[in-house]
N, C-alpha and C. Protein backbone atom coordinates (compact mmCIF):
# COMPACT_ATOMS: atom_id res chain seq x y z
N MET A 1 0.92 -1.21 -0.14
CA MET A 1 0.12 0.03 0.02
C MET A 1 0.95 1.19 0.02
N VAL A 2 0.69 2.09 -0.87
CA VAL A 2 1.37 3.30 -0.97
C VAL A 2 0.74 4.39 0.10
N ALA A 3 1.69 4.76 0.93
CA ALA A 3 1.44 5.78 1.95
C ALA A 3 1.45 7.21 1.65
N ALA A 4 0.18 7.75 1.97
CA ALA A 4 -0.07 9.46 1.92
C ALA A 4 1.08 9.65 2.50
N MET A 5 1.76 10.91 2.09
CA MET A 5 2.90 11.55 2.78
C MET A 5 2.77 13.12 2.60
N ASP A 6 3.21 13.53 3.87
CA ASP A 6 3.19 15.12 3.69
C ASP A 6 4.45 15.64 3.24
N HIS A 7 4.30 16.33 2.04
CA HIS A 7 5.48 16.65 1.13
C HIS A 7 5.80 17.93 1.48
N SER A 8 5.14 18.80 2.18
CA SER A 8 5.38 19.92 2.61
C SER A 8 6.93 20.28 2.72
N GLU A 9 7.83 19.54 3.22
CA GLU A 9 9.25 19.52 3.32
C GLU A 9 9.77 19.53 2.12
N HIS A 10 9.32 18.83 0.98
CA HIS A 10 9.81 18.53 0.05
C HIS A 10 9.20 19.32 -1.39
N SER A 11 8.53 20.11 -1.10
CA SER A 11 8.04 20.89 -2.42
C SER A 11 8.86 21.89 -2.73
N THR A 12 8.55 22.21 -3.89
CA THR A 12 9.58 23.27 -4.54
C THR A 12 9.63 24.68 -3.66
N GLY A 13 10.88 25.11 -3.29
CA GLY A 13 10.96 26.58 -3.00
C GLY A 13 10.96 26.48 -1.54
N THR A 14 10.69 25.35 -0.71
CA THR A 14 10.74 25.31 0.43
C THR A 14 11.99 24.78 1.39
N ARG A 15 12.47 24.89 2.63
CA ARG A 15 13.68 24.56 2.98
C ARG A 15 13.53 23.49 3.73
N THR A 16 14.52 22.54 3.36
CA THR A 16 14.57 21.48 3.75
C THR A 16 15.70 21.09 4.93
N SER A 17 15.38 20.47 5.79
CA SER A 17 16.16 20.11 6.96
C SER A 17 17.60 19.52 6.43
N TRP A 18 18.52 19.74 7.52
CA TRP A 18 19.99 19.18 7.27
C TRP A 18 19.86 17.58 7.68
N LYS A 19 18.85 17.21 8.61
CA LYS A 19 18.52 15.83 8.82
C LYS A 19 17.97 15.12 7.82
N THR A 20 17.07 15.91 7.04
CA THR A 20 16.13 14.93 6.03
C THR A 20 17.62 15.02 5.01
N ALA A 21 18.08 15.67 4.58
CA ALA A 21 19.31 15.70 3.58
C ALA A 21 20.44 14.61 3.78
N ALA A 22 20.65 14.63 5.23
CA ALA A 22 21.65 13.43 5.88
C ALA A 22 21.01 12.50 5.80
N GLN A 23 20.05 12.03 6.17
CA GLN A 23 19.44 10.76 6.06
C GLN A 23 19.12 10.23 4.55
N ALA A 24 18.46 11.36 3.76
CA ALA A 24 18.66 10.61 2.21
C ALA A 24 20.22 10.26 1.44
N THR A 25 21.12 11.21 2.06
CA THR A 25 22.47 10.90 1.66
C THR A 25 22.84 9.48 2.05
N LEU A 26 22.69 9.25 3.45
CA LEU A 26 23.12 8.13 4.11
C LEU A 26 22.57 6.71 3.25
N HIS A 27 21.25 6.95 2.97
CA HIS A 27 20.56 6.01 2.45
C HIS A 27 21.27 5.36 0.81
N CYS A 28 21.38 6.87 0.16
CA CYS A 28 22.11 6.65 -0.98
C CYS A 28 23.62 6.07 -0.63
N LEU A 29 24.11 6.59 0.13
CA LEU A 29 25.74 6.21 0.31
C LEU A 29 25.67 4.54 0.74
N THR A 30 24.61 3.99 1.47
CA THR A 30 24.71 2.68 1.74
C THR A 30 24.93 2.01 0.28
N GLY A 31 24.02 2.21 -0.74
CA GLY A 31 24.30 1.26 -2.01
C GLY A 31 25.45 1.61 -2.56
N CYS A 32 25.83 2.98 -2.56
CA CYS A 32 27.24 3.50 -3.21
C CYS A 32 28.28 2.49 -2.60
N ALA A 33 28.20 2.61 -0.97
CA ALA A 33 29.25 2.12 -0.33
C ALA A 33 29.52 0.59 -0.68
N ILE A 34 28.49 -0.02 -0.84
CA ILE A 34 28.40 -1.71 -0.99
C ILE A 34 29.10 -1.76 -2.51
N GLY A 35 28.52 -1.05 -3.34
CA GLY A 35 29.11 -1.35 -4.79
C GLY A 35 30.52 -0.52 -4.75
N GLU A 36 30.79 0.41 -4.34
CA GLU A 36 32.13 1.02 -4.27
C GLU A 36 33.20 -0.12 -3.66
N VAL A 37 32.94 -0.47 -2.47
CA VAL A 37 33.92 -1.35 -1.91
C VAL A 37 33.95 -2.46 -2.46
N ALA A 38 32.74 -3.16 -3.00
CA ALA A 38 32.87 -4.48 -3.68
C ALA A 38 33.68 -4.20 -5.25
N GLY A 39 33.83 -2.97 -5.68
CA GLY A 39 34.43 -2.94 -6.81
C GLY A 39 35.90 -2.72 -6.81
N MET A 40 36.00 -1.98 -5.62
CA MET A 40 37.57 -1.81 -5.26
C MET A 40 38.26 -2.98 -4.80
N VAL A 41 37.56 -3.81 -4.18
CA VAL A 41 37.95 -5.26 -3.62
C VAL A 41 38.39 -6.02 -4.89
N ILE A 42 37.43 -6.07 -5.70
CA ILE A 42 37.58 -7.00 -6.72
C ILE A 42 38.48 -6.69 -7.75
N GLY A 43 38.40 -5.17 -8.05
CA GLY A 43 39.64 -4.71 -8.99
C GLY A 43 40.78 -4.99 -8.29
N THR A 44 41.01 -4.68 -7.32
CA THR A 44 42.67 -4.95 -6.50
C THR A 44 42.85 -6.30 -6.44
N ALA A 45 41.98 -7.12 -5.95
CA ALA A 45 42.20 -8.42 -6.11
C ALA A 45 42.64 -9.28 -7.30
N LEU A 46 41.84 -8.82 -8.44
CA LEU A 46 42.17 -9.19 -9.69
C LEU A 46 43.48 -8.71 -10.45
N GLY A 47 43.75 -7.69 -9.69
CA GLY A 47 44.96 -7.03 -10.29
C GLY A 47 44.51 -5.86 -11.32
N LEU A 48 43.45 -5.49 -11.67
CA LEU A 48 43.04 -4.44 -12.52
C LEU A 48 43.80 -3.33 -12.45
N HIS A 49 44.08 -2.74 -13.82
CA HIS A 49 44.57 -1.20 -13.78
C HIS A 49 43.76 -0.34 -12.79
N ASN A 50 44.23 0.90 -12.36
CA ASN A 50 43.52 1.49 -11.83
C ASN A 50 42.03 1.99 -12.36
N ALA A 51 42.06 2.27 -13.50
CA ALA A 51 41.12 2.80 -14.40
C ALA A 51 39.98 1.78 -14.26
N GLY A 52 40.22 0.32 -14.68
CA GLY A 52 39.54 -0.47 -14.71
C GLY A 52 38.58 -0.90 -13.20
N THR A 53 39.35 -0.70 -12.27
CA THR A 53 39.06 -0.87 -10.89
C THR A 53 37.85 0.30 -10.87
N VAL A 54 38.33 1.73 -11.03
CA VAL A 54 37.43 2.68 -10.75
C VAL A 54 36.05 2.52 -11.72
N VAL A 55 36.25 2.02 -12.70
CA VAL A 55 35.00 2.25 -13.82
C VAL A 55 34.13 0.92 -12.95
N LEU A 56 34.68 -0.39 -12.75
CA LEU A 56 34.07 -1.38 -11.85
C LEU A 56 33.44 -0.75 -10.55
N SER A 57 34.03 -0.05 -9.78
CA SER A 57 33.36 0.38 -8.75
C SER A 57 32.15 1.33 -9.30
N ILE A 58 32.33 2.28 -9.89
CA ILE A 58 31.15 3.14 -10.28
C ILE A 58 30.02 2.11 -10.71
N ALA A 59 30.25 1.16 -11.69
CA ALA A 59 29.28 0.67 -12.20
C ALA A 59 28.53 -0.19 -11.20
N LEU A 60 29.40 -0.74 -10.19
CA LEU A 60 28.75 -1.22 -8.96
C LEU A 60 28.02 -0.46 -7.91
N ALA A 61 28.35 0.41 -7.72
CA ALA A 61 27.75 1.58 -6.55
C ALA A 61 26.57 1.95 -7.47
N PHE A 62 26.32 2.28 -8.96
CA PHE A 62 25.14 2.49 -9.29
C PHE A 62 23.95 1.19 -9.34
N VAL A 63 24.43 0.17 -9.60
CA VAL A 63 23.77 -1.08 -9.53
C VAL A 63 22.94 -1.12 -8.29
N PHE A 64 23.96 -1.07 -7.16
CA PHE A 64 23.71 -1.55 -5.80
C PHE A 64 22.74 -0.11 -5.18
N GLY A 65 23.17 1.19 -5.48
CA GLY A 65 22.33 2.26 -5.32
C GLY A 65 20.86 2.14 -5.65
N TYR A 66 20.77 1.69 -6.94
CA TYR A 66 19.39 1.69 -7.63
C TYR A 66 18.89 0.69 -7.03
N ALA A 67 19.31 -0.61 -7.05
CA ALA A 67 18.75 -1.67 -6.37
C ALA A 67 17.94 -1.44 -4.94
N LEU A 68 18.97 -0.84 -4.05
CA LEU A 68 18.06 -0.59 -2.59
C LEU A 68 17.09 0.49 -2.84
N THR A 69 16.99 1.42 -3.71
CA THR A 69 15.96 2.25 -3.58
C THR A 69 14.77 1.37 -4.37
N MET A 70 14.96 0.73 -5.33
CA MET A 70 13.93 0.11 -6.06
C MET A 70 13.41 -1.09 -4.93
N ARG A 71 14.18 -1.57 -4.02
CA ARG A 71 13.72 -2.37 -3.12
C ARG A 71 12.35 -2.01 -2.41
N GLY A 72 12.63 -0.72 -2.02
CA GLY A 72 11.62 -0.28 -0.90
C GLY A 72 10.27 0.05 -1.89
N VAL A 73 10.69 0.65 -2.97
CA VAL A 73 9.60 1.02 -3.94
C VAL A 73 8.72 -0.01 -4.54
N LEU A 74 9.43 -1.20 -4.93
CA LEU A 74 8.69 -2.08 -5.18
C LEU A 74 7.85 -2.89 -3.87
N ARG A 75 8.45 -3.07 -2.73
CA ARG A 75 7.58 -3.32 -1.72
C ARG A 75 6.13 -2.43 -1.34
N ALA A 76 6.43 -1.35 -1.98
CA ALA A 76 4.91 -0.50 -2.06
C ALA A 76 4.21 -1.08 -2.71
N GLY A 77 4.27 -1.81 -3.80
CA GLY A 77 3.25 -2.27 -4.53
C GLY A 77 3.50 -1.60 -6.22
N VAL A 78 4.55 -1.09 -6.41
CA VAL A 78 4.57 -0.52 -7.43
C VAL A 78 5.32 -1.48 -8.74
N ASP A 79 4.78 -1.39 -10.00
CA ASP A 79 5.52 -2.37 -10.81
C ASP A 79 7.18 -1.77 -11.38
N PHE A 80 7.62 -2.80 -11.91
CA PHE A 80 9.26 -3.04 -11.90
C PHE A 80 9.50 -1.77 -12.83
N ARG A 81 8.86 -1.33 -13.99
CA ARG A 81 9.35 -0.25 -14.76
C ARG A 81 9.19 1.06 -13.93
N THR A 82 7.97 1.21 -13.31
CA THR A 82 7.72 2.49 -12.30
C THR A 82 9.01 2.48 -11.38
N ALA A 83 9.12 1.19 -10.50
CA ALA A 83 10.42 1.49 -9.84
C ALA A 83 11.40 1.78 -10.34
N VAL A 84 11.95 1.36 -11.31
CA VAL A 84 13.26 1.70 -12.02
C VAL A 84 13.36 3.43 -12.68
N LYS A 85 12.02 3.80 -12.98
CA LYS A 85 11.89 5.27 -13.07
C LYS A 85 12.11 6.06 -11.73
N VAL A 86 11.39 5.52 -10.78
CA VAL A 86 11.83 6.24 -9.40
C VAL A 86 13.28 6.16 -8.82
N ALA A 87 13.97 5.15 -9.03
CA ALA A 87 15.18 4.90 -8.62
C ALA A 87 16.21 5.92 -9.46
N LEU A 88 15.97 5.95 -10.88
CA LEU A 88 16.63 6.69 -11.69
C LEU A 88 16.44 8.34 -11.23
N ALA A 89 15.20 8.72 -11.11
CA ALA A 89 15.01 10.13 -10.74
C ALA A 89 15.62 10.49 -9.31
N ALA A 90 15.32 9.33 -8.15
CA ALA A 90 15.82 9.80 -6.73
C ALA A 90 17.67 9.70 -6.68
N ASP A 91 17.96 8.89 -7.42
CA ASP A 91 19.37 8.58 -7.08
C ASP A 91 20.39 8.94 -7.81
N THR A 92 20.28 9.28 -9.24
CA THR A 92 21.40 9.41 -10.17
C THR A 92 22.24 10.71 -9.93
N VAL A 93 21.74 11.85 -9.38
CA VAL A 93 22.76 12.88 -9.25
C VAL A 93 23.42 12.78 -7.69
N SER A 94 22.74 12.16 -6.82
CA SER A 94 23.37 11.64 -5.71
C SER A 94 24.51 10.98 -5.83
N ILE A 95 24.15 9.71 -6.59
CA ILE A 95 25.35 8.78 -6.70
C ILE A 95 26.25 9.12 -7.47
N LEU A 96 26.31 9.81 -8.72
CA LEU A 96 27.06 10.41 -9.59
C LEU A 96 28.16 11.42 -8.97
N VAL A 97 27.44 12.34 -7.93
CA VAL A 97 28.36 13.18 -6.83
C VAL A 97 29.21 12.30 -6.16
N MET A 98 28.64 11.31 -5.49
CA MET A 98 29.39 10.57 -4.60
C MET A 98 30.35 9.68 -5.37
N GLU A 99 30.24 9.00 -6.55
CA GLU A 99 31.23 8.48 -7.25
C GLU A 99 32.47 9.29 -7.72
N ILE A 100 32.05 10.45 -7.92
CA ILE A 100 33.03 11.58 -8.58
C ILE A 100 34.03 11.69 -7.46
N LEU A 101 33.30 12.03 -6.28
CA LEU A 101 34.08 12.39 -5.18
C LEU A 101 34.89 11.21 -4.70
N ASP A 102 34.46 9.98 -4.23
CA ASP A 102 35.37 9.20 -3.71
C ASP A 102 36.08 8.31 -4.59
N ASN A 103 36.06 8.29 -5.94
CA ASN A 103 36.59 7.74 -6.65
C ASN A 103 38.22 8.78 -6.89
N ALA A 104 37.60 10.00 -7.01
CA ALA A 104 38.94 10.89 -7.01
C ALA A 104 39.72 11.05 -6.11
N PHE A 105 39.19 10.69 -4.72
CA PHE A 105 39.96 10.74 -3.45
C PHE A 105 40.88 9.45 -3.65
N MET A 106 40.36 8.39 -3.90
CA MET A 106 41.13 7.24 -3.99
C MET A 106 42.17 7.30 -4.98
N VAL A 107 42.18 8.09 -6.02
CA VAL A 107 43.27 8.14 -7.12
C VAL A 107 44.31 9.24 -6.70
N VAL A 108 43.72 10.32 -5.79
CA VAL A 108 44.68 11.11 -5.77
C VAL A 108 45.59 11.02 -4.68
N VAL A 109 45.11 10.09 -3.52
CA VAL A 109 45.91 9.61 -2.10
C VAL A 109 47.13 8.72 -2.98
N PRO A 110 48.30 9.11 -2.63
CA PRO A 110 49.37 8.39 -3.08
C PRO A 110 49.38 7.00 -2.64
N GLY A 111 49.49 6.26 -3.75
CA GLY A 111 49.58 4.67 -3.32
C GLY A 111 48.41 3.67 -2.86
N ALA A 112 47.35 4.57 -2.57
CA ALA A 112 45.97 3.85 -2.40
C ALA A 112 45.59 2.76 -3.12
N MET A 113 45.32 3.32 -4.23
CA MET A 113 44.91 2.14 -5.54
C MET A 113 45.90 1.21 -5.54
N ASP A 114 46.90 1.13 -5.26
CA ASP A 114 48.18 0.15 -5.30
C ASP A 114 48.49 -0.58 -4.10
N ALA A 115 47.78 -0.17 -2.92
CA ALA A 115 48.34 -0.51 -1.69
C ALA A 115 47.85 -2.17 -1.25
N GLY A 116 46.80 -2.69 -1.84
CA GLY A 116 46.57 -4.27 -1.78
C GLY A 116 45.61 -4.01 -0.36
N LEU A 117 44.80 -5.19 -0.47
CA LEU A 117 43.79 -5.41 0.34
C LEU A 117 44.36 -5.57 1.77
N GLY A 118 45.46 -5.85 2.00
CA GLY A 118 45.66 -6.42 3.46
C GLY A 118 46.48 -4.76 3.93
N SER A 119 46.60 -3.95 3.30
CA SER A 119 47.05 -2.69 3.71
C SER A 119 46.24 -1.72 4.01
N ALA A 120 46.47 -0.95 5.31
CA ALA A 120 45.70 -0.02 6.11
C ALA A 120 45.25 1.34 5.42
N LEU A 121 46.54 1.59 4.49
CA LEU A 121 46.27 2.85 3.59
C LEU A 121 45.20 2.33 2.75
N PHE A 122 44.90 1.41 1.71
CA PHE A 122 43.99 1.03 1.20
C PHE A 122 42.43 1.39 1.74
N TRP A 123 42.44 0.54 2.97
CA TRP A 123 41.11 0.86 3.58
C TRP A 123 40.87 1.90 4.23
N LEU A 124 41.93 2.74 4.57
CA LEU A 124 41.58 3.86 5.38
C LEU A 124 41.25 4.94 4.26
N SER A 125 42.04 4.93 3.32
CA SER A 125 41.86 5.64 2.08
C SER A 125 40.16 5.54 1.44
N LEU A 126 39.99 4.44 1.38
CA LEU A 126 38.48 4.11 1.17
C LEU A 126 37.54 4.45 1.93
N ALA A 127 37.76 4.49 3.40
CA ALA A 127 36.60 4.95 4.56
C ALA A 127 36.97 6.39 4.27
N GLY A 128 37.81 7.12 4.11
CA GLY A 128 38.08 8.60 3.80
C GLY A 128 37.33 9.36 2.87
N ALA A 129 37.61 8.40 1.57
CA ALA A 129 36.61 8.82 0.44
C ALA A 129 35.14 8.41 0.58
N LEU A 130 34.87 7.86 1.35
CA LEU A 130 33.17 7.64 1.77
C LEU A 130 32.89 8.70 2.33
N VAL A 131 33.56 8.95 3.33
CA VAL A 131 33.21 10.45 4.55
C VAL A 131 33.13 11.67 3.54
N VAL A 132 34.08 11.73 2.71
CA VAL A 132 34.09 12.81 1.83
C VAL A 132 33.14 13.06 0.79
N ALA A 133 32.52 11.71 0.31
CA ALA A 133 31.60 11.86 -0.64
C ALA A 133 30.33 12.14 0.30
N PHE A 134 30.08 11.43 1.41
CA PHE A 134 28.89 12.10 2.15
C PHE A 134 28.74 13.37 2.48
N VAL A 135 29.82 13.91 3.29
CA VAL A 135 29.73 15.48 3.74
C VAL A 135 29.51 16.27 2.45
N VAL A 136 30.16 15.85 1.07
CA VAL A 136 29.72 16.99 0.19
C VAL A 136 28.55 16.79 -0.43
N THR A 137 28.18 15.38 -0.42
CA THR A 137 26.74 15.18 -1.27
C THR A 137 25.56 15.60 -0.24
N VAL A 138 25.77 15.69 0.92
CA VAL A 138 24.66 16.22 1.82
C VAL A 138 23.88 17.63 1.23
N PRO A 139 24.97 18.87 1.09
CA PRO A 139 24.01 19.81 0.63
C PRO A 139 23.79 19.81 -0.80
N VAL A 140 23.89 18.88 -1.81
CA VAL A 140 23.60 18.78 -3.06
C VAL A 140 22.18 18.04 -2.63
N ASN A 141 21.96 17.14 -1.85
CA ASN A 141 20.53 16.40 -1.53
C ASN A 141 19.72 17.39 -1.26
N ARG A 142 20.29 18.18 -0.22
CA ARG A 142 19.39 19.19 0.47
C ARG A 142 18.90 20.03 -0.42
N TRP A 143 19.64 20.52 -1.35
CA TRP A 143 19.16 21.69 -2.43
C TRP A 143 18.16 20.86 -3.46
N MET A 144 18.48 19.71 -3.70
CA MET A 144 17.83 19.14 -4.47
C MET A 144 15.93 18.52 -3.93
N ILE A 145 16.24 17.98 -2.73
CA ILE A 145 14.98 17.71 -1.91
C ILE A 145 13.98 18.98 -1.94
N SER A 146 14.88 19.96 -1.69
CA SER A 146 13.93 21.18 -1.21
C SER A 146 13.31 21.83 -2.44
N ARG A 147 13.63 21.21 -3.60
CA ARG A 147 12.96 21.33 -5.00
C ARG A 147 12.05 20.46 -5.39
N GLY A 148 11.83 19.28 -4.59
CA GLY A 148 10.99 18.20 -5.05
C GLY A 148 11.86 17.29 -5.80
N LYS A 149 13.12 17.19 -5.88
CA LYS A 149 13.83 16.36 -6.98
C LYS A 149 14.53 15.32 -5.95
N GLY A 150 15.20 14.54 -6.55
CA GLY A 150 16.08 13.38 -6.21
C GLY A 150 15.45 12.64 -5.09
N HIS A 151 15.81 12.47 -3.86
CA HIS A 151 15.31 11.63 -2.78
C HIS A 151 13.90 12.04 -2.51
N ALA A 152 13.40 13.28 -2.80
CA ALA A 152 12.16 13.64 -2.51
C ALA A 152 11.11 12.61 -3.35
N VAL A 153 11.32 12.13 -4.55
CA VAL A 153 10.35 11.49 -5.46
C VAL A 153 10.19 10.00 -4.75
N VAL A 154 11.06 9.52 -4.01
CA VAL A 154 10.63 8.19 -3.37
C VAL A 154 9.56 8.40 -2.18
N HIS A 155 9.52 9.50 -1.51
CA HIS A 155 8.70 9.59 -0.31
C HIS A 155 7.31 9.05 -0.36
N GLU A 156 6.53 9.43 -1.57
CA GLU A 156 5.32 8.83 -1.95
C GLU A 156 5.16 7.22 -1.99
N TYR A 157 6.51 6.75 -2.02
CA TYR A 157 6.24 5.27 -2.00
C TYR A 157 6.55 4.53 -0.87
N HIS A 158 6.78 5.21 0.20
CA HIS A 158 7.23 4.65 1.35
C HIS A 158 6.25 3.92 1.91
N GLU A 159 6.25 2.82 2.67
CA GLU A 159 5.38 1.97 3.24
C GLU A 159 5.11 2.57 4.66
N MET A 160 3.83 2.69 4.98
CA MET A 160 3.26 3.07 6.53
C MET A 160 3.71 2.05 7.14
């Protein structure tokens, strides 16, 4: 059953709280982090070139990010095609911003991409990359939600 939601905080031109933006970003970061970590681990374990590892990480971040959003939307009784559209509208900009930031961070930290899975440098850099991505993406999501875009489109599909 689709819940009736109060969209007053998410309508165009209204102010969105930092808490709402942080929650939306954390939701998005969950899927991104699963894909990002999986991509970095797989690429590093397979000895892929840094560019190949980054491409794999980005692809998996989008797959997992969209999948987590779609899971909730599908639970609300929406058909698959609509769930895909909602996930694309809700998460594309947020995931894109996060992926640019966290992959750039990994690339610019000297030796992080080549450190190997047993290295603290690899894991600390990856954790730092995700923190930076979160911090910078929160204001982006706040701006989008306040205009009825991004994560705001998912709210009408939340279950009661």
